[in-house]
């Protein structure tokens, strides 16, 4: 039989990261390609205790259908937490619990974009979100990322010249894949440009709680006085990605339409997971848990950067030091004898997986000299082995 694939889907390509996972499944391969939390970061005992209590005391609540907007006690707890800690949310906003932060991108794009509308993204940016935008036949416009965030001149030029710009997508904290943090000055400037050209912003913040050095930078959403910022948050990196819990804080009219779209997608987010998250936030020491996570990632990130300084930097590969998150962006020298893609292929042949940088571009055919590594998933022994192999390969081919 000949299968007819829709125009929206036929041009989509498999996630490069997911494809790399096929190689990473080989136990002899050191995977520096995943974006998974550290195994030791999961609060497994607490989740087991909470689950047992829920299934004993309120099993029907956990197993029955729930409301699309989300489990009310969790919505209230998240709204209070975000307002008190980050000054995010106002009486003009509402909150929806989603099946991971990835669904925020899908629901908001479905709500606001017609085919051919433009989405402005950082270049590079998170491939999962880019594919969500692509699935609605949006035109993607990449704006180069500097050490402190988007190039503002390029951003304004895009806002001036691109047609039907619906929103700017930004990961302001410990960006995936570059690891950079957008400065407060640039956050304010990006918001002012969105006001000037009458467009919206999605502020995606899955890594914000994982700061290992420096001071917190106010969220763009905390600057939002005229209802043009959608804040996307996630429990994936602080509790468990398998629970698939995210949330959006956005103007009420936007949330209302996202709710309607969600009803047609998955009806509601997993009730058990929402109840677990609520109990963890309100009955356990949530701040102590976050402090423990930061210590785990501080040690792993610093160890990784020590290894990069020892094995990669002397052989011409550079990187920018990070203040948090899970990723480091490495760059081949300008006079490299091989391309970044060829370097990544050679790395796989030498039993190390990294993610080629062009996977994170709005146009994957563009030239790119960078690749992404993840330090949260591998053990210290695996991390040292993998980076040592990369350094040896760099010495041989660069």
Protein backbone atom coordinates (compact mmCIF):
# COMPACT_ATOMS: atom_id res chain seq x y z
CA UNK A 1 0.00 0.00 0.00
CA UNK A 2 1.16 3.54 -0.72
CA UNK A 3 0.94 5.67 2.41
CA UNK A 4 0.05 9.33 2.13
CA UNK A 5 1.87 11.54 4.63
CA UNK A 6 0.52 15.00 5.44
CA UNK A 7 2.34 18.07 4.15
CA UNK A 8 2.96 19.15 7.75
CA UNK A 9 4.78 15.95 8.65
CA UNK A 10 6.45 14.77 5.45
CA UNK A 11 9.32 17.28 5.70
CA UNK A 12 10.06 16.55 9.37
CA UNK A 13 13.25 14.63 10.09
CA UNK A 14 14.01 12.35 13.04
CA UNK A 15 15.61 14.04 16.02
CA UNK A 16 19.37 13.86 15.56
CA UNK A 17 19.73 13.30 19.29
CA UNK A 18 17.29 10.39 19.28
CA UNK A 19 19.12 8.89 16.31
CA UNK A 20 22.41 9.17 18.19
CA UNK A 21 20.78 7.33 21.11
CA UNK A 22 20.83 4.23 18.89
CA UNK A 23 24.62 4.28 19.02
CA UNK A 24 24.62 5.27 22.68
CA UNK A 25 22.67 2.11 23.50
CA UNK A 26 25.85 0.15 22.77
CA UNK A 27 27.34 -0.51 26.25
CA UNK A 28 30.86 -0.05 24.84
CA UNK A 29 30.06 3.52 23.73
CA UNK A 30 30.49 6.49 26.08
CA UNK A 31 27.43 8.70 25.56
CA UNK A 32 28.01 12.41 26.04
CA UNK A 33 24.96 13.08 23.87
CA UNK A 34 21.97 12.63 26.18
CA UNK A 35 20.22 15.37 28.09
CA UNK A 36 19.02 13.19 30.93
CA UNK A 37 19.27 14.17 34.60
CA UNK A 38 21.89 12.42 36.70
CA UNK A 39 20.56 9.09 38.00
CA UNK A 40 21.48 10.05 41.55
CA UNK A 41 19.29 13.17 41.27
CA UNK A 42 15.98 11.31 41.33
CA UNK A 43 14.17 11.40 44.72
CA UNK A 44 13.10 7.78 44.32
CA UNK A 45 12.37 7.03 47.97
CA UNK A 46 10.18 10.10 48.39
CA UNK A 47 8.28 9.37 45.19
CA UNK A 48 7.71 5.77 46.33
CA UNK A 49 6.44 6.94 49.73
CA UNK A 50 4.14 9.56 48.21
CA UNK A 51 2.80 7.13 45.61
CA UNK A 52 2.01 4.50 48.23
CA UNK A 53 0.17 7.06 50.33
CA UNK A 54 -1.83 8.37 47.36
CA UNK A 55 -2.84 4.90 46.20
CA UNK A 56 -3.90 3.98 49.72
CA UNK A 57 -5.76 7.16 50.65
CA UNK A 58 -6.99 8.56 47.33
CA UNK A 59 -6.66 5.90 44.62
CA UNK A 60 -9.67 7.05 42.59
CA UNK A 61 -8.33 10.62 42.46
CA UNK A 62 -5.07 9.33 41.01
CA UNK A 63 -6.63 6.85 38.56
CA UNK A 64 -9.71 8.77 37.37
CA UNK A 65 -9.96 11.47 34.69
CA UNK A 66 -8.92 14.94 35.82
CA UNK A 67 -9.54 18.50 34.67
CA UNK A 68 -7.67 19.71 31.60
CA UNK A 69 -6.17 22.77 33.32
CA UNK A 70 -4.44 20.53 35.84
CA UNK A 71 -4.79 19.18 39.39
CA UNK A 72 -6.01 22.29 41.29
CA UNK A 73 -3.77 21.87 44.38
CA UNK A 74 -0.69 21.58 42.13
CA UNK A 75 -1.72 24.57 40.03
CA UNK A 76 -2.09 26.63 43.21
CA UNK A 77 1.24 25.43 44.63
CA UNK A 78 3.14 26.17 41.41
CA UNK A 79 1.51 29.59 41.02
CA UNK A 80 2.40 30.53 44.61
CA UNK A 81 5.95 29.21 44.27
CA UNK A 82 6.61 31.07 41.00
CA UNK A 83 5.16 34.31 42.31
CA UNK A 84 6.99 34.26 45.62
CA UNK A 85 10.37 33.11 44.30
CA UNK A 86 10.53 34.67 40.81
CA UNK A 87 7.76 37.30 40.72
CA UNK A 88 6.22 35.43 37.78
CA UNK A 89 2.46 35.63 37.26
CA UNK A 90 -0.17 38.31 37.80
CA UNK A 91 -3.96 38.55 38.14
CA UNK A 92 -4.08 38.77 34.34
CA UNK A 93 -2.34 35.39 33.97
CA UNK A 94 -3.48 31.83 34.38
CA UNK A 95 -1.61 28.51 34.67
CA UNK A 96 -2.00 25.16 32.93
CA UNK A 97 -0.24 21.89 33.81
CA UNK A 98 1.06 20.17 30.69
CA UNK A 99 2.56 16.83 29.68
CA UNK A 100 6.10 18.17 29.91
CA UNK A 101 7.27 21.64 28.88
CA UNK A 102 7.51 20.36 25.31
CA UNK A 103 3.71 20.40 25.18
CA UNK A 104 3.72 24.11 26.04
CA UNK A 105 5.52 24.78 22.75
CA UNK A 106 3.06 22.61 20.85
CA UNK A 107 -0.08 24.07 22.42
CA UNK A 108 1.06 27.68 22.14
CA UNK A 109 2.12 27.28 18.51
CA UNK A 110 -1.18 25.60 17.65
CA UNK A 111 -3.00 28.41 19.45
CA UNK A 112 -1.25 31.37 17.82
CA UNK A 113 0.31 30.37 14.48
CA UNK A 114 -1.03 29.89 10.98
CA UNK A 115 0.96 28.10 8.32
CA UNK A 116 3.77 30.31 7.07
CA UNK A 117 3.91 32.51 10.16
CA UNK A 118 7.37 33.23 11.51
CA UNK A 119 8.91 32.10 14.79
CA UNK A 120 12.17 33.78 15.79
CA UNK A 121 14.54 31.46 17.66
CA UNK A 122 18.00 31.58 19.10
CA UNK A 123 20.61 30.02 16.82
CA UNK A 124 21.41 27.41 18.02
CA UNK A 125 18.29 26.28 19.90
CA UNK A 126 16.56 23.22 21.38
CA UNK A 127 15.73 20.74 18.62
CA UNK A 128 12.53 19.53 20.31
CA UNK A 129 10.99 22.99 20.24
CA UNK A 130 12.20 23.65 16.71
CA UNK A 131 10.45 20.50 15.53
CA UNK A 132 7.25 21.53 17.31
CA UNK A 133 7.30 24.81 15.40
CA UNK A 134 8.12 23.03 12.15
CA UNK A 135 5.20 20.65 12.60
CA UNK A 136 2.82 23.60 12.13
CA UNK A 137 4.63 24.75 8.98
CA UNK A 138 6.03 27.82 10.70
CA UNK A 139 8.94 29.65 9.13
CA UNK A 140 11.91 29.56 11.50
CA UNK A 141 14.26 32.53 11.69
CA UNK A 142 17.45 31.98 13.68
CA UNK A 143 19.17 34.84 15.50
CA UNK A 144 22.84 34.24 16.46
CA UNK A 145 23.56 33.76 20.15
CA UNK A 146 26.47 35.63 21.72
CA UNK A 147 28.10 34.98 25.09
CA UNK A 148 25.35 36.98 26.87
CA UNK A 149 22.35 36.13 24.72
CA UNK A 150 20.80 36.96 21.35
CA UNK A 151 22.49 39.45 19.06
CA UNK A 152 20.11 42.39 19.50
CA UNK A 153 20.84 44.00 16.13
CA UNK A 154 20.10 40.75 14.33
CA UNK A 155 16.96 40.28 16.42
CA UNK A 156 15.62 43.73 15.55
CA UNK A 157 16.48 43.22 11.90
CA UNK A 158 14.48 39.97 11.93
CA UNK A 159 11.54 41.67 13.63
CA UNK A 160 11.64 44.41 11.00
CA UNK A 161 11.95 42.24 7.92
CA UNK A 162 10.26 38.89 8.64
CA UNK A 163 6.57 38.62 7.88
CA UNK A 164 3.95 37.67 10.45
CA UNK A 165 6.29 37.15 13.39
CA UNK A 166 4.15 35.45 16.02
CA UNK A 167 6.67 35.07 18.82
CA UNK A 168 10.30 34.96 19.94
CA UNK A 169 11.43 31.68 21.49
CA UNK A 170 14.19 31.94 24.08
CA UNK A 171 15.88 29.72 26.68
CA UNK A 172 17.34 32.47 28.83
CA UNK A 173 19.02 30.31 31.51
CA UNK A 174 21.81 27.86 30.64
CA UNK A 175 20.59 27.59 27.09
CA UNK A 176 20.31 24.25 25.34
CA UNK A 177 22.65 23.62 23.58
CA UNK A 178 25.04 26.55 24.08
CA UNK A 179 24.93 26.72 27.90
CA UNK A 180 24.92 30.54 27.86
CA UNK A 181 22.76 32.71 30.13
CA UNK A 182 21.09 35.81 28.72
CA UNK A 183 22.10 38.91 30.69
CA UNK A 184 19.49 41.03 32.44
CA UNK A 185 20.25 43.93 30.12
CA UNK A 186 19.49 41.78 27.10
CA UNK A 187 16.37 40.32 28.70
CA UNK A 188 15.01 43.83 29.14
CA UNK A 189 16.02 44.76 25.58
CA UNK A 190 14.39 41.65 24.10
CA UNK A 191 11.18 42.42 25.96
CA UNK A 192 11.23 46.03 24.74
CA UNK A 193 11.78 44.88 21.16
CA UNK A 194 8.82 42.50 21.48
CA UNK A 195 6.72 45.47 22.63
CA UNK A 196 8.03 47.71 19.85
CA UNK A 197 7.18 45.18 17.13
CA UNK A 198 4.06 43.84 18.87
CA UNK A 199 4.98 40.20 19.17
CA UNK A 200 5.00 37.63 21.98
CA UNK A 201 7.77 35.74 23.76
CA UNK A 202 8.00 32.15 24.95
CA UNK A 203 10.46 32.01 27.84
CA UNK A 204 11.43 28.35 28.19
CA UNK A 205 13.12 27.69 31.54
CA UNK A 206 13.67 23.96 32.14
CA UNK A 207 17.12 24.43 33.71
CA UNK A 208 16.62 27.57 35.79
CA UNK A 209 16.72 25.76 39.16
CA UNK A 210 20.10 24.20 38.30
CA UNK A 211 22.33 27.22 38.85
CA UNK A 212 25.79 26.18 40.09
CA UNK A 213 27.46 29.61 40.27
CA UNK A 214 26.64 33.29 39.98
CA UNK A 215 23.39 35.04 40.84
CA UNK A 216 19.87 34.41 39.57
CA UNK A 217 18.79 36.73 36.75
CA UNK A 218 15.16 37.96 36.81
CA UNK A 219 12.88 36.14 34.38
CA UNK A 220 11.61 37.98 31.32
CA UNK A 221 8.11 37.08 32.49
CA UNK A 222 8.71 39.11 35.67
CA UNK A 223 9.02 42.18 33.40
CA UNK A 224 5.74 41.44 31.61
CA UNK A 225 3.39 44.37 32.13
CA UNK A 226 1.31 44.03 28.98
CA UNK A 227 0.66 40.30 28.66
CA UNK A 228 3.05 39.23 25.93
CA UNK A 229 5.24 36.62 27.68
CA UNK A 230 4.45 32.91 28.05
CA UNK A 231 6.58 31.22 30.71
CA UNK A 232 7.24 27.49 30.28
CA UNK A 233 8.43 25.55 33.31
CA UNK A 234 9.19 21.89 33.90
CA UNK A 235 9.57 19.25 36.61
CA UNK A 236 11.67 17.06 34.31
CA UNK A 237 15.05 18.22 35.58
CA UNK A 238 14.08 18.64 39.24
CA UNK A 239 11.86 15.57 39.85
CA UNK A 240 11.67 13.17 36.92
CA UNK A 241 11.41 13.47 33.13
CA UNK A 242 9.43 10.22 33.02
CA UNK A 243 6.57 11.85 34.96
CA UNK A 244 6.07 14.26 32.02
CA UNK A 245 5.10 17.33 34.00
CA UNK A 246 5.43 20.89 32.79
CA UNK A 247 3.44 24.09 33.11
CA UNK A 248 2.74 27.37 31.38
CA UNK A 249 2.00 30.75 32.95
CA UNK A 250 0.47 33.04 30.35
CA UNK A 251 -2.26 35.63 29.79
CA UNK A 252 -5.71 34.19 30.52
CA UNK A 253 -7.04 34.41 26.93
CA UNK A 254 -4.02 32.43 25.70
CA UNK A 255 -4.37 29.77 28.41
CA UNK A 256 -8.08 29.41 27.60
CA UNK A 257 -7.29 28.47 24.00
CA UNK A 258 -4.40 26.22 25.03
CA UNK A 259 -6.84 24.36 27.27
CA UNK A 260 -9.16 23.75 24.32
CA UNK A 261 -6.22 22.49 22.23
CA UNK A 262 -5.05 20.20 25.05
CA UNK A 263 -8.53 18.69 25.33
CA UNK A 264 -8.10 17.51 21.75
CA UNK A 265 -4.59 16.16 22.35
CA UNK A 266 -4.47 14.21 25.60
CA UNK A 267 -7.49 15.41 27.65
CA UNK A 268 -5.39 16.09 30.75
CA UNK A 269 -1.94 15.52 32.22
CA UNK A 270 -1.20 12.37 34.24
CA UNK A 271 -3.16 12.70 37.51
CA UNK A 272 -0.85 10.48 39.59
CA UNK A 273 2.22 12.47 38.55
CA UNK A 274 0.52 15.76 39.40
CA UNK A 275 -0.47 14.51 42.83
CA UNK A 276 3.06 13.28 43.51
CA UNK A 277 4.55 16.63 42.47
CA UNK A 278 2.11 18.53 44.66
CA UNK A 279 2.91 16.39 47.70
CA UNK A 280 6.64 16.71 47.08
CA UNK A 281 6.39 20.51 46.86
CA UNK A 282 4.21 20.92 49.94
CA UNK A 283 5.01 18.02 52.30
CA UNK A 284 8.75 17.60 51.74
CA UNK A 285 11.63 20.08 51.90
CA UNK A 286 11.55 21.16 48.27
CA UNK A 287 14.25 23.82 48.65
CA UNK A 288 16.61 21.33 50.33
CA UNK A 289 16.03 18.96 47.42
CA UNK A 290 16.90 21.71 44.90
CA UNK A 291 20.01 22.58 46.91
CA UNK A 292 21.09 18.94 46.72
CA UNK A 293 20.57 18.89 42.95
CA UNK A 294 22.71 21.98 42.53
CA UNK A 295 25.51 20.36 44.49
CA UNK A 296 25.35 17.23 42.30
CA UNK A 297 25.54 19.26 39.11
CA UNK A 298 28.14 21.68 40.47
CA UNK A 299 30.53 18.78 41.06
CA UNK A 300 29.81 17.15 37.70
CA UNK A 301 30.04 20.39 35.71
CA UNK A 302 33.29 21.51 37.36
CA UNK A 303 34.82 18.07 36.84
CA UNK A 304 33.78 18.13 33.18
CA UNK A 305 35.29 21.58 32.64
CA UNK A 306 38.53 20.44 34.29
CA UNK A 307 38.65 17.54 31.82
CA UNK A 308 37.96 19.84 28.87
CA UNK A 309 40.79 22.14 30.00
CA UNK A 310 43.10 19.14 30.29
CA UNK A 311 42.30 17.17 27.13
CA UNK A 312 40.46 19.37 24.58
CA UNK A 313 41.64 22.95 24.99
CA UNK A 314 45.34 22.08 24.42
CA UNK A 315 44.28 20.46 21.14
CA UNK A 316 42.42 23.49 19.81
CA UNK A 317 38.83 22.85 20.93
CA UNK A 318 37.35 25.73 22.93
CA UNK A 319 34.24 26.13 25.06
CA UNK A 320 32.46 28.73 27.18
CA UNK A 321 32.27 28.08 30.91
CA UNK A 322 28.74 27.64 32.23
CA UNK A 323 26.89 28.79 35.35
CA UNK A 324 24.33 25.98 35.35
CA UNK A 325 22.27 23.56 33.32
CA UNK A 326 23.38 20.27 31.77
CA UNK A 327 25.28 21.15 28.61
CA UNK A 328 28.58 22.53 27.31
CA UNK A 329 29.06 23.81 23.75
CA UNK A 330 32.43 22.94 22.25
CA UNK A 331 33.91 24.58 19.16
CA UNK A 332 36.48 23.29 16.70
CA UNK A 333 39.29 25.69 15.69
CA UNK A 334 38.79 27.80 12.56
CA UNK A 335 41.69 26.07 10.82
CA UNK A 336 40.36 22.55 11.53
CA UNK A 337 41.27 20.06 8.80
CA UNK A 338 37.91 18.29 9.02
CA UNK A 339 34.33 19.45 9.46
CA UNK A 340 32.42 19.24 12.70
CA UNK A 341 30.16 16.52 11.29
CA UNK A 342 33.15 14.43 10.28
CA UNK A 343 34.67 14.94 13.72
CA UNK A 344 31.44 13.69 15.34
CA UNK A 345 31.41 10.65 13.03
CA UNK A 346 35.00 9.88 13.92
CA UNK A 347 34.08 10.23 17.60
CA UNK A 348 31.35 7.60 17.20
CA UNK A 349 33.81 5.26 15.50
CA UNK A 350 36.04 5.78 18.55
CA UNK A 351 33.13 4.87 20.84
CA UNK A 352 32.11 8.36 22.00
CA UNK A 353 28.79 10.04 21.14
CA UNK A 354 28.37 13.82 21.01
CA UNK A 355 25.66 15.83 19.24
CA UNK A 356 26.62 17.72 16.05
CA UNK A 357 25.85 21.40 16.32
CA UNK A 358 23.86 21.77 13.12
CA UNK A 359 21.11 19.60 14.69
CA UNK A 360 20.22 22.70 16.74
CA UNK A 361 20.01 25.17 13.85
CA UNK A 362 16.85 26.40 12.15
CA UNK A 363 18.52 25.33 8.90
CA UNK A 364 20.40 22.09 9.50
CA UNK A 365 22.33 22.51 6.23
CA UNK A 366 24.16 25.59 7.55
CA UNK A 367 27.84 25.35 8.35
CA UNK A 368 28.56 24.77 12.03
CA UNK A 369 31.82 24.17 13.84
CA UNK A 370 30.40 23.26 17.26
CA UNK A 371 29.09 20.20 19.05
CA UNK A 372 27.24 19.65 22.32
CA UNK A 373 28.27 17.46 25.22
CA UNK A 374 26.25 16.50 28.28
CA UNK A 375 27.90 15.89 31.65
CA UNK A 376 24.92 14.96 33.82
CA UNK A 377 24.25 11.41 32.63
CA UNK A 378 27.68 9.71 32.44
CA UNK A 379 29.61 8.64 35.52
CA UNK A 380 32.86 10.43 36.33
CA UNK A 381 34.78 7.47 34.90
CA UNK A 382 32.77 7.54 31.68
CA UNK A 383 33.13 11.30 31.42
CA UNK A 384 36.91 11.16 31.77
CA UNK A 385 37.19 8.25 29.34
CA UNK A 386 35.01 9.98 26.74
CA UNK A 387 36.68 13.39 26.91
CA UNK A 388 40.11 11.79 26.88
CA UNK A 389 39.18 9.97 23.64
CA UNK A 390 37.88 13.23 22.15
CA UNK A 391 41.14 14.94 23.06
CA UNK A 392 43.19 12.18 21.43
CA UNK A 393 41.00 12.37 18.33
CA UNK A 394 41.40 16.15 18.21
CA UNK A 395 45.17 15.82 18.40
CA UNK A 396 45.11 13.40 15.47
CA UNK A 397 42.67 15.09 13.07
CA UNK A 398 42.63 18.80 13.85
